[in-house]
């Protein structure tokens, strides 16, 4: 086996051991997200929003998530298009 392959295998084993160790140490911990914690803190302060959406508000959380995912996919597509264009230009210059 090549040395680089052995190093990759050892690296993966070490990473997996760290993950399993972290989960074992945490035990019965609650893995809540930051959004949930912030929402609770906002409720404690009594904050009220100073504006409402003028144009449109999504009818449900699922629709809101769908729109967010579409925005992310569109942005990733544009980024990949630009990176691909730059890579093609670089290859064309080399030839």
C-alpha atoms as a PDB file:
ATOM      1  CA  UNK A   1       0.000   0.000   0.000  1.00  0.00           C
ATOM      2  CA  UNK A   2       1.300   3.451  -0.863  1.00  0.00           C
ATOM      3  CA  UNK A   3       2.288   5.773   1.942  1.00  0.00           C
ATOM      4  CA  UNK A   4      -0.226   8.451   0.894  1.00  0.00           C
ATOM      5  CA  UNK A   5      -3.076   5.908   0.911  1.00  0.00           C
ATOM      6  CA  UNK A   6      -2.050   4.769   4.383  1.00  0.00           C
ATOM      7  CA  UNK A   7      -1.975   8.371   5.583  1.00  0.00           C
ATOM      8  CA  UNK A   8      -5.498   8.976   4.264  1.00  0.00           C
ATOM      9  CA  UNK A   9      -6.809   5.823   5.960  1.00  0.00           C
ATOM     10  CA  UNK A  10      -5.180   6.791   9.263  1.00  0.00           C
ATOM     11  CA  UNK A  11      -6.577  10.323   8.931  1.00  0.00           C
ATOM     12  CA  UNK A  12     -10.115   9.028   8.368  1.00  0.00           C
ATOM     13  CA  UNK A  13      -9.800   6.690  11.360  1.00  0.00           C
ATOM     14  CA  UNK A  14      -8.578   9.549  13.570  1.00  0.00           C
ATOM     15  CA  UNK A  15     -11.441  11.814  12.462  1.00  0.00           C
ATOM     16  CA  UNK A  16     -14.011   9.077  13.080  1.00  0.00           C
ATOM     17  CA  UNK A  17     -12.484   8.406  16.510  1.00  0.00           C
ATOM     18  CA  UNK A  18     -12.743  12.106  17.383  1.00  0.00           C
ATOM     19  CA  UNK A  19     -16.388  12.221  16.309  1.00  0.00           C
ATOM     20  CA  UNK A  20     -17.279   9.080  18.258  1.00  0.00           C
ATOM     21  CA  UNK A  21     -15.358  10.380  21.271  1.00  0.00           C
ATOM     22  CA  UNK A  22     -17.147  13.728  21.177  1.00  0.00           C
ATOM     23  CA  UNK A  23     -20.523  11.992  20.987  1.00  0.00           C
ATOM     24  CA  UNK A  24     -19.580   9.649  23.835  1.00  0.00           C
ATOM     25  CA  UNK A  25     -18.469  12.525  26.068  1.00  0.00           C
ATOM     26  CA  UNK A  26     -21.552  14.610  25.291  1.00  0.00           C
ATOM     27  CA  UNK A  27     -23.774  11.706  26.286  1.00  0.00           C
ATOM     28  CA  UNK A  28     -27.379  12.809  26.603  1.00  0.00           C
ATOM     29  CA  UNK A  29     -26.758  16.414  25.544  1.00  0.00           C
ATOM     30  CA  UNK A  30     -29.387  18.375  23.698  1.00  0.00           C
ATOM     31  CA  UNK A  31     -28.206  19.415  20.252  1.00  0.00           C
ATOM     32  CA  UNK A  32     -30.253  22.545  19.649  1.00  0.00           C
ATOM     33  CA  UNK A  33     -29.490  25.069  16.963  1.00  0.00           C
ATOM     34  CA  UNK A  34     -28.603  28.703  17.444  1.00  0.00           C
ATOM     35  CA  UNK A  35     -31.914  29.826  15.943  1.00  0.00           C
ATOM     36  CA  UNK A  36     -33.900  28.205  18.741  1.00  0.00           C
ATOM     37  CA  UNK A  37     -31.723  29.779  21.415  1.00  0.00           C
ATOM     38  CA  UNK A  38     -31.954  33.238  19.884  1.00  0.00           C
ATOM     39  CA  UNK A  39     -35.721  33.004  19.518  1.00  0.00           C
ATOM     40  CA  UNK A  40     -36.005  32.318  23.243  1.00  0.00           C
ATOM     41  CA  UNK A  41     -33.761  35.260  24.080  1.00  0.00           C
ATOM     42  CA  UNK A  42     -35.782  37.586  21.830  1.00  0.00           C
ATOM     43  CA  UNK A  43     -38.985  36.503  23.559  1.00  0.00           C
ATOM     44  CA  UNK A  44     -37.434  37.311  26.950  1.00  0.00           C
ATOM     45  CA  UNK A  45     -36.554  40.865  25.910  1.00  0.00           C
ATOM     46  CA  UNK A  46     -40.031  41.639  24.568  1.00  0.00           C
ATOM     47  CA  UNK A  47     -38.757  42.779  21.174  1.00  0.00           C
ATOM     48  CA  UNK A  48     -41.375  43.615  18.561  1.00  0.00           C
ATOM     49  CA  UNK A  49     -40.485  43.850  14.849  1.00  0.00           C
ATOM     50  CA  UNK A  50     -40.525  47.383  13.463  1.00  0.00           C
ATOM     51  CA  UNK A  51     -41.716  46.399   9.973  1.00  0.00           C
ATOM     52  CA  UNK A  52     -43.818  43.817   8.169  1.00  0.00           C
ATOM     53  CA  UNK A  53     -43.276  42.421   4.677  1.00  0.00           C
ATOM     54  CA  UNK A  54     -44.931  44.821   2.280  1.00  0.00           C
ATOM     55  CA  UNK A  55     -44.989  42.589  -0.773  1.00  0.00           C
ATOM     56  CA  UNK A  56     -45.671  38.984   0.215  1.00  0.00           C
ATOM     57  CA  UNK A  57     -45.247  36.616   3.095  1.00  0.00           C
ATOM     58  CA  UNK A  58     -44.920  32.844   2.508  1.00  0.00           C
ATOM     59  CA  UNK A  59     -48.019  30.918   3.593  1.00  0.00           C
ATOM     60  CA  UNK A  60     -46.041  28.242   5.471  1.00  0.00           C
ATOM     61  CA  UNK A  61     -42.605  27.343   6.740  1.00  0.00           C
ATOM     62  CA  UNK A  62     -42.219  24.709   4.038  1.00  0.00           C
ATOM     63  CA  UNK A  63     -42.702  27.281   1.284  1.00  0.00           C
ATOM     64  CA  UNK A  64     -40.231  29.575   2.994  1.00  0.00           C
ATOM     65  CA  UNK A  65     -37.683  26.730   3.131  1.00  0.00           C
ATOM     66  CA  UNK A  66     -38.318  25.936  -0.532  1.00  0.00           C
ATOM     67  CA  UNK A  67     -37.677  29.541  -1.553  1.00  0.00           C
ATOM     68  CA  UNK A  68     -34.501  29.625   0.524  1.00  0.00           C
ATOM     69  CA  UNK A  69     -33.288  26.368  -1.080  1.00  0.00           C
ATOM     70  CA  UNK A  70     -34.034  27.731  -4.560  1.00  0.00           C
ATOM     71  CA  UNK A  71     -32.056  30.876  -3.769  1.00  0.00           C
ATOM     72  CA  UNK A  72     -29.130  28.766  -2.573  1.00  0.00           C
ATOM     73  CA  UNK A  73     -29.259  26.547  -5.667  1.00  0.00           C
ATOM     74  CA  UNK A  74     -29.418  29.561  -7.981  1.00  0.00           C
ATOM     75  CA  UNK A  75     -26.459  31.200  -6.231  1.00  0.00           C
ATOM     76  CA  UNK A  76     -24.423  27.983  -6.368  1.00  0.00           C
ATOM     77  CA  UNK A  77     -25.243  27.634 -10.064  1.00  0.00           C
ATOM     78  CA  UNK A  78     -24.033  31.154 -10.804  1.00  0.00           C
ATOM     79  CA  UNK A  79     -20.844  30.612  -8.772  1.00  0.00           C
ATOM     80  CA  UNK A  80     -20.121  27.321 -10.569  1.00  0.00           C
ATOM     81  CA  UNK A  81     -20.817  28.920 -13.947  1.00  0.00           C
ATOM     82  CA  UNK A  82     -18.288  31.676 -13.239  1.00  0.00           C
ATOM     83  CA  UNK A  83     -15.667  29.254 -11.921  1.00  0.00           C
ATOM     84  CA  UNK A  84     -16.167  26.989 -14.939  1.00  0.00           C
ATOM     85  CA  UNK A  85     -15.820  29.923 -17.296  1.00  0.00           C
ATOM     86  CA  UNK A  86     -12.573  30.993 -15.624  1.00  0.00           C
ATOM     87  CA  UNK A  87     -11.231  27.433 -15.773  1.00  0.00           C
ATOM     88  CA  UNK A  88     -12.104  27.196 -19.463  1.00  0.00           C
ATOM     89  CA  UNK A  89     -10.390  30.502 -20.167  1.00  0.00           C
ATOM     90  CA  UNK A  90      -7.251  29.343 -18.350  1.00  0.00           C
ATOM     91  CA  UNK A  91      -7.182  26.063 -20.322  1.00  0.00           C
ATOM     92  CA  UNK A  92      -7.712  27.943 -23.598  1.00  0.00           C
ATOM     93  CA  UNK A  93      -4.769  30.253 -22.844  1.00  0.00           C
ATOM     94  CA  UNK A  94      -2.494  27.281 -22.133  1.00  0.00           C
ATOM     95  CA  UNK A  95      -3.315  25.693 -25.497  1.00  0.00           C
END
